[in-house]
Amino acid sequence: MVAVLVVGALGIWLHLPALEWAVLALAAGGVVAAEALNTAIERLSDRVSKEEENAIRIVKDMAAGGVLAATVGAVLVGLVVLGPRLWVIILG
């Protein structure tokens, strides 16, 4: 959530157009959705079995990997949308 607030503040400061706001919102929403699914999978898995089972470990790892993939994608979107403007401001 801190990253979303920072990106939002940067977007306001940089006066982003609506389309770029939409792209950033979709990227952030994708991360939040992936995290929600990961949490649901983990809680359900823990309810199904308290024992350490290889199949459940693999499912949990895959769900966490989905969150990581969504996060990397969102970071790349942020760099593409915000990077050029920040580059110009920082380097003049």
PDB file of N, CA and C in Angstrom:
ATOM      1  N   MET A   1       0.823  -1.198   0.000  1.00  0.00           N
ATOM      2  CA  MET A   1       0.000   0.000   0.000  1.00  0.00           C
ATOM      3  C   MET A   1       0.865   1.259   0.000  1.00  0.00           C
ATOM      4  N   VAL A   2       2.027   1.180   0.636  1.00  0.00           N
ATOM      5  CA  VAL A   2       2.935   2.334   0.640  1.00  0.00           C
ATOM      6  C   VAL A   2       3.361   2.658  -0.790  1.00  0.00           C
ATOM      7  N   ALA A   3       3.673   1.636  -1.561  1.00  0.00           N
ATOM      8  CA  ALA A   3       4.081   1.851  -2.951  1.00  0.00           C
ATOM      9  C   ALA A   3       2.954   2.501  -3.752  1.00  0.00           C
ATOM     10  N   VAL A   4       1.727   2.075  -3.520  1.00  0.00           N
ATOM     11  CA  VAL A   4       0.581   2.664  -4.221  1.00  0.00           C
ATOM     12  C   VAL A   4       0.451   4.141  -3.870  1.00  0.00           C
ATOM     13  N   LEU A   5       0.633   4.479  -2.608  1.00  0.00           N
ATOM     14  CA  LEU A   5       0.561   5.877  -2.191  1.00  0.00           C
ATOM     15  C   LEU A   5       1.684   6.710  -2.814  1.00  0.00           C
ATOM     16  N   VAL A   6       2.885   6.149  -2.854  1.00  0.00           N
ATOM     17  CA  VAL A   6       4.023   6.866  -3.460  1.00  0.00           C
ATOM     18  C   VAL A   6       3.775   7.082  -4.952  1.00  0.00           C
ATOM     19  N   VAL A   7       3.332   6.045  -5.641  1.00  0.00           N
ATOM     20  CA  VAL A   7       3.053   6.169  -7.074  1.00  0.00           C
ATOM     21  C   VAL A   7       1.920   7.169  -7.305  1.00  0.00           C
ATOM     22  N   GLY A   8       0.902   7.126  -6.464  1.00  0.00           N
ATOM     23  CA  GLY A   8      -0.196   8.084  -6.580  1.00  0.00           C
ATOM     24  C   GLY A   8       0.276   9.516  -6.398  1.00  0.00           C
ATOM     25  N   ALA A   9       1.121   9.735  -5.400  1.00  0.00           N
ATOM     26  CA  ALA A   9       1.663  11.077  -5.167  1.00  0.00           C
ATOM     27  C   ALA A   9       2.509  11.534  -6.351  1.00  0.00           C
ATOM     28  N   LEU A  10       3.327  10.633  -6.882  1.00  0.00           N
ATOM     29  CA  LEU A  10       4.133  10.973  -8.064  1.00  0.00           C
ATOM     30  C   LEU A  10       3.243  11.288  -9.265  1.00  0.00           C
ATOM     31  N   GLY A  11       2.180  10.514  -9.425  1.00  0.00           N
ATOM     32  CA  GLY A  11       1.262  10.750 -10.534  1.00  0.00           C
ATOM     33  C   GLY A  11       0.597  12.111 -10.451  1.00  0.00           C
ATOM     34  N   ILE A  12       0.198  12.497  -9.241  1.00  0.00           N
ATOM     35  CA  ILE A  12      -0.394  13.823  -9.046  1.00  0.00           C
ATOM     36  C   ILE A  12       0.646  14.897  -9.338  1.00  0.00           C
ATOM     37  N   TRP A  13       1.838  14.727  -8.802  1.00  0.00           N
ATOM     38  CA  TRP A  13       2.909  15.703  -8.980  1.00  0.00           C
ATOM     39  C   TRP A  13       3.291  15.860 -10.443  1.00  0.00           C
ATOM     40  N   LEU A  14       3.299  14.747 -11.177  1.00  0.00           N
ATOM     41  CA  LEU A  14       3.695  14.769 -12.590  1.00  0.00           C
ATOM     42  C   LEU A  14       2.527  15.069 -13.533  1.00  0.00           C
ATOM     43  N   HIS A  15       1.311  15.230 -13.004  1.00  0.00           N
ATOM     44  CA  HIS A  15       0.119  15.530 -13.813  1.00  0.00           C
ATOM     45  C   HIS A  15      -0.083  14.501 -14.924  1.00  0.00           C
ATOM     46  N   LEU A  16      -0.166  13.238 -14.520  1.00  0.00           N
ATOM     47  CA  LEU A  16      -0.317  12.167 -15.509  1.00  0.00           C
ATOM     48  C   LEU A  16      -1.660  12.264 -16.227  1.00  0.00           C
ATOM     49  N   PRO A  17      -1.683  11.927 -17.517  1.00  0.00           N
ATOM     50  CA  PRO A  17      -2.960  11.872 -18.237  1.00  0.00           C
ATOM     51  C   PRO A  17      -3.776  10.653 -17.791  1.00  0.00           C
ATOM     52  N   ALA A  18      -5.059  10.679 -18.110  1.00  0.00           N
ATOM     53  CA  ALA A  18      -5.996   9.641 -17.651  1.00  0.00           C
ATOM     54  C   ALA A  18      -5.575   8.231 -18.068  1.00  0.00           C
ATOM     55  N   LEU A  19      -5.092   8.075 -19.284  1.00  0.00           N
ATOM     56  CA  LEU A  19      -4.710   6.743 -19.752  1.00  0.00           C
ATOM     57  C   LEU A  19      -3.569   6.161 -18.908  1.00  0.00           C
ATOM     58  N   GLU A  20      -2.610   6.977 -18.552  1.00  0.00           N
ATOM     59  CA  GLU A  20      -1.497   6.494 -17.725  1.00  0.00           C
ATOM     60  C   GLU A  20      -1.973   6.186 -16.302  1.00  0.00           C
ATOM     61  N   TRP A  21      -2.917   6.976 -15.782  1.00  0.00           N
ATOM     62  CA  TRP A  21      -3.515   6.645 -14.487  1.00  0.00           C
ATOM     63  C   TRP A  21      -4.200   5.279 -14.553  1.00  0.00           C
ATOM     64  N   ALA A  22      -4.898   5.040 -15.651  1.00  0.00           N
ATOM     65  CA  ALA A  22      -5.606   3.767 -15.809  1.00  0.00           C
ATOM     66  C   ALA A  22      -4.634   2.601 -15.834  1.00  0.00           C
ATOM     67  N   VAL A  23      -3.528   2.753 -16.545  1.00  0.00           N
ATOM     68  CA  VAL A  23      -2.532   1.685 -16.625  1.00  0.00           C
ATOM     69  C   VAL A  23      -1.934   1.416 -15.240  1.00  0.00           C
ATOM     70  N   LEU A  24      -1.599   2.477 -14.520  1.00  0.00           N
ATOM     71  CA  LEU A  24      -1.055   2.303 -13.162  1.00  0.00           C
ATOM     72  C   LEU A  24      -2.084   1.651 -12.240  1.00  0.00           C
ATOM     73  N   ALA A  25      -3.350   2.061 -12.365  1.00  0.00           N
ATOM     74  CA  ALA A  25      -4.405   1.484 -11.519  1.00  0.00           C
ATOM     75  C   ALA A  25      -4.591  -0.002 -11.819  1.00  0.00           C
ATOM     76  N   LEU A  26      -4.548  -0.375 -13.082  1.00  0.00           N
ATOM     77  CA  LEU A  26      -4.666  -1.799 -13.434  1.00  0.00           C
ATOM     78  C   LEU A  26      -3.492  -2.603 -12.887  1.00  0.00           C
ATOM     79  N   ALA A  27      -2.300  -2.048 -12.969  1.00  0.00           N
ATOM     80  CA  ALA A  27      -1.121  -2.750 -12.443  1.00  0.00           C
ATOM     81  C   ALA A  27      -1.231  -2.921 -10.936  1.00  0.00           C
ATOM     82  N   ALA A  28      -1.602  -1.870 -10.233  1.00  0.00           N
ATOM     83  CA  ALA A  28      -1.745  -1.949  -8.774  1.00  0.00           C
ATOM     84  C   ALA A  28      -2.873  -2.897  -8.396  1.00  0.00           C
ATOM     85  N   GLY A  29      -3.972  -2.813  -9.128  1.00  0.00           N
ATOM     86  CA  GLY A  29      -5.102  -3.714  -8.861  1.00  0.00           C
ATOM     87  C   GLY A  29      -4.733  -5.172  -9.087  1.00  0.00           C
ATOM     88  N   GLY A  30      -3.904  -5.421 -10.085  1.00  0.00           N
ATOM     89  CA  GLY A  30      -3.448  -6.792 -10.337  1.00  0.00           C
ATOM     90  C   GLY A  30      -2.640  -7.349  -9.181  1.00  0.00           C
ATOM     91  N   VAL A  31      -1.806  -6.505  -8.588  1.00  0.00           N
ATOM     92  CA  VAL A  31      -1.011  -6.950  -7.440  1.00  0.00           C
ATOM     93  C   VAL A  31      -1.913  -7.224  -6.240  1.00  0.00           C
ATOM     94  N   VAL A  32      -2.854  -6.335  -5.988  1.00  0.00           N
ATOM     95  CA  VAL A  32      -3.773  -6.526  -4.853  1.00  0.00           C
ATOM     96  C   VAL A  32      -4.612  -7.788  -5.058  1.00  0.00           C
ATOM     97  N   ALA A  33      -5.088  -8.003  -6.283  1.00  0.00           N
ATOM     98  CA  ALA A  33      -5.874  -9.205  -6.574  1.00  0.00           C
ATOM     99  C   ALA A  33      -5.038 -10.467  -6.401  1.00  0.00           C
ATOM    100  N   ALA A  34      -3.800 -10.446  -6.885  1.00  0.00           N
ATOM    101  CA  ALA A  34      -2.924 -11.610  -6.726  1.00  0.00           C
ATOM    102  C   ALA A  34      -2.660 -11.890  -5.255  1.00  0.00           C
ATOM    103  N   GLU A  35      -2.458 -10.842  -4.480  1.00  0.00           N
ATOM    104  CA  GLU A  35      -2.213 -11.020  -3.046  1.00  0.00           C
ATOM    105  C   GLU A  35      -3.449 -11.592  -2.344  1.00  0.00           C
ATOM    106  N   ALA A  36      -4.621 -11.133  -2.743  1.00  0.00           N
ATOM    107  CA  ALA A  36      -5.856 -11.661  -2.150  1.00  0.00           C
ATOM    108  C   ALA A  36      -6.024 -13.146  -2.473  1.00  0.00           C
ATOM    109  N   LEU A  37      -5.756 -13.519  -3.717  1.00  0.00           N
ATOM    110  CA  LEU A  37      -5.846 -14.934  -4.096  1.00  0.00           C
ATOM    111  C   LEU A  37      -4.803 -15.767  -3.358  1.00  0.00           C
ATOM    112  N   ASN A  38      -3.604 -15.237  -3.218  1.00  0.00           N
ATOM    113  CA  ASN A  38      -2.555 -15.940  -2.489  1.00  0.00           C
ATOM    114  C   ASN A  38      -2.977 -16.178  -1.042  1.00  0.00           C
ATOM    115  N   THR A  39      -3.526 -15.162  -0.409  1.00  0.00           N
ATOM    116  CA  THR A  39      -3.970 -15.296   0.980  1.00  0.00           C
ATOM    117  C   THR A  39      -5.080 -16.331   1.092  1.00  0.00           C
ATOM    118  N   ALA A  40      -6.026 -16.301   0.151  1.00  0.00           N
ATOM    119  CA  ALA A  40      -7.120 -17.277   0.179  1.00  0.00           C
ATOM    120  C   ALA A  40      -6.591 -18.701   0.016  1.00  0.00           C
ATOM    121  N   ILE A  41      -5.668 -18.892  -0.899  1.00  0.00           N
ATOM    122  CA  ILE A  41      -5.088 -20.221  -1.117  1.00  0.00           C
ATOM    123  C   ILE A  41      -4.341 -20.693   0.128  1.00  0.00           C
ATOM    124  N   GLU A  42      -3.570 -19.809   0.736  1.00  0.00           N
ATOM    125  CA  GLU A  42      -2.824 -20.189   1.939  1.00  0.00           C
ATOM    126  C   GLU A  42      -3.763 -20.553   3.088  1.00  0.00           C
ATOM    127  N   ARG A  43      -4.789 -19.758   3.306  1.00  0.00           N
ATOM    128  CA  ARG A  43      -5.726 -20.046   4.409  1.00  0.00           C
ATOM    129  C   ARG A  43      -6.493 -21.344   4.164  1.00  0.00           C
ATOM    130  N   LEU A  44      -6.934 -21.547   2.932  1.00  0.00           N
ATOM    131  CA  LEU A  44      -7.642 -22.778   2.612  1.00  0.00           C
ATOM    132  C   LEU A  44      -6.724 -23.984   2.761  1.00  0.00           C
ATOM    133  N   SER A  45      -5.493 -23.846   2.310  1.00  0.00           N
ATOM    134  CA  SER A  45      -4.528 -24.939   2.423  1.00  0.00           C
ATOM    135  C   SER A  45      -4.266 -25.290   3.883  1.00  0.00           C
ATOM    136  N   ASP A  46      -4.136 -24.279   4.724  1.00  0.00           N
ATOM    137  CA  ASP A  46      -3.911 -24.520   6.146  1.00  0.00           C
ATOM    138  C   ASP A  46      -5.117 -25.192   6.789  1.00  0.00           C
ATOM    139  N   ARG A  47      -6.295 -24.885   6.294  1.00  0.00           N
ATOM    140  CA  ARG A  47      -7.510 -25.497   6.847  1.00  0.00           C
ATOM    141  C   ARG A  47      -7.648 -26.952   6.393  1.00  0.00           C
ATOM    142  N   VAL A  48      -7.213 -27.234   5.179  1.00  0.00           N
ATOM    143  CA  VAL A  48      -7.310 -28.595   4.638  1.00  0.00           C
ATOM    144  C   VAL A  48      -6.374 -29.531   5.389  1.00  0.00           C
ATOM    145  N   SER A  49      -5.153 -29.066   5.660  1.00  0.00           N
ATOM    146  CA  SER A  49      -4.182 -29.922   6.338  1.00  0.00           C
ATOM    147  C   SER A  49      -3.186 -29.078   7.109  1.00  0.00           C
ATOM    148  N   LYS A  50      -3.002 -29.418   8.370  1.00  0.00           N
ATOM    149  CA  LYS A  50      -2.012 -28.734   9.200  1.00  0.00           C
ATOM    150  C   LYS A  50      -0.624 -29.357   9.031  1.00  0.00           C
ATOM    151  N   GLU A  51      -0.586 -30.554   8.447  1.00  0.00           N
ATOM    152  CA  GLU A  51       0.680 -31.237   8.249  1.00  0.00           C
ATOM    153  C   GLU A  51       1.398 -30.667   7.030  1.00  0.00           C
ATOM    154  N   GLU A  52       2.712 -30.814   7.009  1.00  0.00           N
ATOM    155  CA  GLU A  52       3.479 -30.369   5.860  1.00  0.00           C
ATOM    156  C   GLU A  52       3.365 -31.405   4.753  1.00  0.00           C
ATOM    157  N   GLU A  53       2.623 -31.036   3.717  1.00  0.00           N
ATOM    158  CA  GLU A  53       2.457 -31.918   2.570  1.00  0.00           C
ATOM    159  C   GLU A  53       3.104 -31.261   1.359  1.00  0.00           C
ATOM    160  N   ASN A  54       3.793 -32.059   0.581  1.00  0.00           N
ATOM    161  CA  ASN A  54       4.514 -31.530  -0.570  1.00  0.00           C
ATOM    162  C   ASN A  54       3.575 -30.854  -1.570  1.00  0.00           C
ATOM    163  N   ALA A  55       2.435 -31.445  -1.830  1.00  0.00           N
ATOM    164  CA  ALA A  55       1.493 -30.877  -2.804  1.00  0.00           C
ATOM    165  C   ALA A  55       1.004 -29.501  -2.348  1.00  0.00           C
ATOM    166  N   ILE A  56       0.698 -29.362  -1.070  1.00  0.00           N
ATOM    167  CA  ILE A  56       0.235 -28.076  -0.549  1.00  0.00           C
ATOM    168  C   ILE A  56       1.364 -27.052  -0.586  1.00  0.00           C
ATOM    169  N   ARG A  57       2.572 -27.472  -0.285  1.00  0.00           N
ATOM    170  CA  ARG A  57       3.716 -26.563  -0.342  1.00  0.00           C
ATOM    171  C   ARG A  57       3.896 -26.037  -1.756  1.00  0.00           C
ATOM    172  N   ILE A  58       3.755 -26.910  -2.742  1.00  0.00           N
ATOM    173  CA  ILE A  58       3.909 -26.499  -4.142  1.00  0.00           C
ATOM    174  C   ILE A  58       2.821 -25.498  -4.532  1.00  0.00           C
ATOM    175  N   VAL A  59       1.577 -25.754  -4.129  1.00  0.00           N
ATOM    176  CA  VAL A  59       0.477 -24.834  -4.440  1.00  0.00           C
ATOM    177  C   VAL A  59       0.725 -23.472  -3.806  1.00  0.00           C
ATOM    178  N   LYS A  60       1.155 -23.462  -2.548  1.00  0.00           N
ATOM    179  CA  LYS A  60       1.447 -22.195  -1.868  1.00  0.00           C
ATOM    180  C   LYS A  60       2.590 -21.455  -2.554  1.00  0.00           C
ATOM    181  N   ASP A  61       3.626 -22.182  -2.951  1.00  0.00           N
ATOM    182  CA  ASP A  61       4.756 -21.561  -3.639  1.00  0.00           C
ATOM    183  C   ASP A  61       4.327 -20.974  -4.987  1.00  0.00           C
ATOM    184  N   MET A  62       3.466 -21.676  -5.693  1.00  0.00           N
ATOM    185  CA  MET A  62       2.986 -21.180  -6.981  1.00  0.00           C
ATOM    186  C   MET A  62       2.145 -19.920  -6.795  1.00  0.00           C
ATOM    187  N   ALA A  63       1.306 -19.895  -5.774  1.00  0.00           N
ATOM    188  CA  ALA A  63       0.491 -18.705  -5.502  1.00  0.00           C
ATOM    189  C   ALA A  63       1.381 -17.517  -5.148  1.00  0.00           C
ATOM    190  N   ALA A  64       2.396 -17.764  -4.337  1.00  0.00           N
ATOM    191  CA  ALA A  64       3.345 -16.690  -3.996  1.00  0.00           C
ATOM    192  C   ALA A  64       4.103 -16.230  -5.230  1.00  0.00           C
ATOM    193  N   GLY A  65       4.427 -17.160  -6.111  1.00  0.00           N
ATOM    194  CA  GLY A  65       5.085 -16.809  -7.367  1.00  0.00           C
ATOM    195  C   GLY A  65       4.195 -15.932  -8.241  1.00  0.00           C
ATOM    196  N   GLY A  66       2.893 -16.165  -8.196  1.00  0.00           N
ATOM    197  CA  GLY A  66       1.948 -15.321  -8.926  1.00  0.00           C
ATOM    198  C   GLY A  66       1.971 -13.892  -8.412  1.00  0.00           C
ATOM    199  N   VAL A  67       2.063 -13.743  -7.099  1.00  0.00           N
ATOM    200  CA  VAL A  67       2.160 -12.405  -6.510  1.00  0.00           C
ATOM    201  C   VAL A  67       3.458 -11.738  -6.955  1.00  0.00           C
ATOM    202  N   LEU A  68       4.541 -12.487  -6.934  1.00  0.00           N
ATOM    203  CA  LEU A  68       5.825 -11.942  -7.370  1.00  0.00           C
ATOM    204  C   LEU A  68       5.769 -11.498  -8.831  1.00  0.00           C
ATOM    205  N   ALA A  69       5.174 -12.326  -9.689  1.00  0.00           N
ATOM    206  CA  ALA A  69       5.072 -11.984 -11.105  1.00  0.00           C
ATOM    207  C   ALA A  69       4.238 -10.712 -11.302  1.00  0.00           C
ATOM    208  N   ALA A  70       3.118 -10.611 -10.589  1.00  0.00           N
ATOM    209  CA  ALA A  70       2.277  -9.416 -10.686  1.00  0.00           C
ATOM    210  C   ALA A  70       3.024  -8.178 -10.200  1.00  0.00           C
ATOM    211  N   THR A  71       3.809  -8.343  -9.142  1.00  0.00           N
ATOM    212  CA  THR A  71       4.568  -7.224  -8.589  1.00  0.00           C
ATOM    213  C   THR A  71       5.660  -6.771  -9.554  1.00  0.00           C
ATOM    214  N   VAL A  72       6.376  -7.713 -10.136  1.00  0.00           N
ATOM    215  CA  VAL A  72       7.417  -7.359 -11.117  1.00  0.00           C
ATOM    216  C   VAL A  72       6.783  -6.635 -12.303  1.00  0.00           C
ATOM    217  N   GLY A  73       5.651  -7.128 -12.764  1.00  0.00           N
ATOM    218  CA  GLY A  73       4.950  -6.462 -13.861  1.00  0.00           C
ATOM    219  C   GLY A  73       4.541  -5.050 -13.494  1.00  0.00           C
ATOM    220  N   ALA A  74       4.039  -4.865 -12.282  1.00  0.00           N
ATOM    221  CA  ALA A  74       3.626  -3.530 -11.837  1.00  0.00           C
ATOM    222  C   ALA A  74       4.820  -2.586 -11.731  1.00  0.00           C
ATOM    223  N   VAL A  75       5.938  -3.100 -11.267  1.00  0.00           N
ATOM    224  CA  VAL A  75       7.149  -2.271 -11.179  1.00  0.00           C
ATOM    225  C   VAL A  75       7.581  -1.845 -12.584  1.00  0.00           C
ATOM    226  N   LEU A  76       7.538  -2.766 -13.532  1.00  0.00           N
ATOM    227  CA  LEU A  76       7.902  -2.423 -14.915  1.00  0.00           C
ATOM    228  C   LEU A  76       6.948  -1.376 -15.492  1.00  0.00           C
ATOM    229  N   VAL A  77       5.660  -1.524 -15.217  1.00  0.00           N
ATOM    230  CA  VAL A  77       4.688  -0.520 -15.665  1.00  0.00           C
ATOM    231  C   VAL A  77       5.022   0.836 -15.046  1.00  0.00           C
ATOM    232  N   GLY A  78       5.313   0.844 -13.753  1.00  0.00           N
ATOM    233  CA  GLY A  78       5.678   2.093 -13.085  1.00  0.00           C
ATOM    234  C   GLY A  78       6.902   2.732 -13.694  1.00  0.00           C
ATOM    235  N   LEU A  79       7.895   1.918 -14.019  1.00  0.00           N
ATOM    236  CA  LEU A  79       9.113   2.454 -14.642  1.00  0.00           C
ATOM    237  C   LEU A  79       8.833   3.033 -16.030  1.00  0.00           C
ATOM    238  N   VAL A  80       7.992   2.355 -16.799  1.00  0.00           N
ATOM    239  CA  VAL A  80       7.671   2.829 -18.148  1.00  0.00           C
ATOM    240  C   VAL A  80       6.859   4.126 -18.096  1.00  0.00           C
ATOM    241  N   VAL A  81       5.902   4.193 -17.173  1.00  0.00           N
ATOM    242  CA  VAL A  81       5.033   5.366 -17.093  1.00  0.00           C
ATOM    243  C   VAL A  81       5.728   6.538 -16.407  1.00  0.00           C
ATOM    244  N   LEU A  82       6.368   6.274 -15.275  1.00  0.00           N
ATOM    245  CA  LEU A  82       6.942   7.360 -14.479  1.00  0.00           C
ATOM    246  C   LEU A  82       8.408   7.637 -14.807  1.00  0.00           C
ATOM    247  N   GLY A  83       9.125   6.625 -15.243  1.00  0.00           N
ATOM    248  CA  GLY A  83      10.560   6.739 -15.454  1.00  0.00           C
ATOM    249  C   GLY A  83      11.000   7.879 -16.349  1.00  0.00           C
ATOM    250  N   PRO A  84      10.460   7.992 -17.565  1.00  0.00           N
ATOM    251  CA  PRO A  84      10.926   9.060 -18.449  1.00  0.00           C
ATOM    252  C   PRO A  84      10.717  10.464 -17.873  1.00  0.00           C
ATOM    253  N   ARG A  85       9.580  10.681 -17.230  1.00  0.00           N
ATOM    254  CA  ARG A  85       9.320  12.004 -16.648  1.00  0.00           C
ATOM    255  C   ARG A  85      10.276  12.293 -15.489  1.00  0.00           C
ATOM    256  N   LEU A  86      10.485  11.286 -14.653  1.00  0.00           N
ATOM    257  CA  LEU A  86      11.403  11.483 -13.524  1.00  0.00           C
ATOM    258  C   LEU A  86      12.833  11.671 -14.017  1.00  0.00           C
ATOM    259  N   TRP A  87      13.200  10.964 -15.071  1.00  0.00           N
ATOM    260  CA  TRP A  87      14.544  11.078 -15.653  1.00  0.00           C
ATOM    261  C   TRP A  87      14.801  12.522 -16.092  1.00  0.00           C
ATOM    262  N   VAL A  88      13.834  13.114 -16.760  1.00  0.00           N
ATOM    263  CA  VAL A  88      13.959  14.494 -17.229  1.00  0.00           C
ATOM    264  C   VAL A  88      14.074  15.451 -16.053  1.00  0.00           C
ATOM    265  N   ILE A  89      13.283  15.231 -15.005  1.00  0.00           N
ATOM    266  CA  ILE A  89      13.320  16.118 -13.843  1.00  0.00           C
ATOM    267  C   ILE A  89      14.653  15.993 -13.106  1.00  0.00           C
ATOM    268  N   ILE A  90      15.113  14.755 -12.947  1.00  0.00           N
ATOM    269  CA  ILE A  90      16.350  14.539 -12.183  1.00  0.00           C
ATOM    270  C   ILE A  90      17.579  15.031 -12.942  1.00  0.00           C
ATOM    271  N   LEU A  91      17.634  14.728 -14.238  1.00  0.00           N
ATOM    272  CA  LEU A  91      18.818  15.076 -15.019  1.00  0.00           C
ATOM    273  C   LEU A  91      18.681  16.387 -15.785  1.00  0.00           C
ATOM    274  N   GLY A  92      17.520  16.989 -15.688  1.00  0.00           N
ATOM    275  CA  GLY A  92      17.339  18.307 -16.302  1.00  0.00           C
ATOM    276  C   GLY A  92      16.980  18.161 -17.717  1.00  0.00           C
TER     277      GLY A  92
END
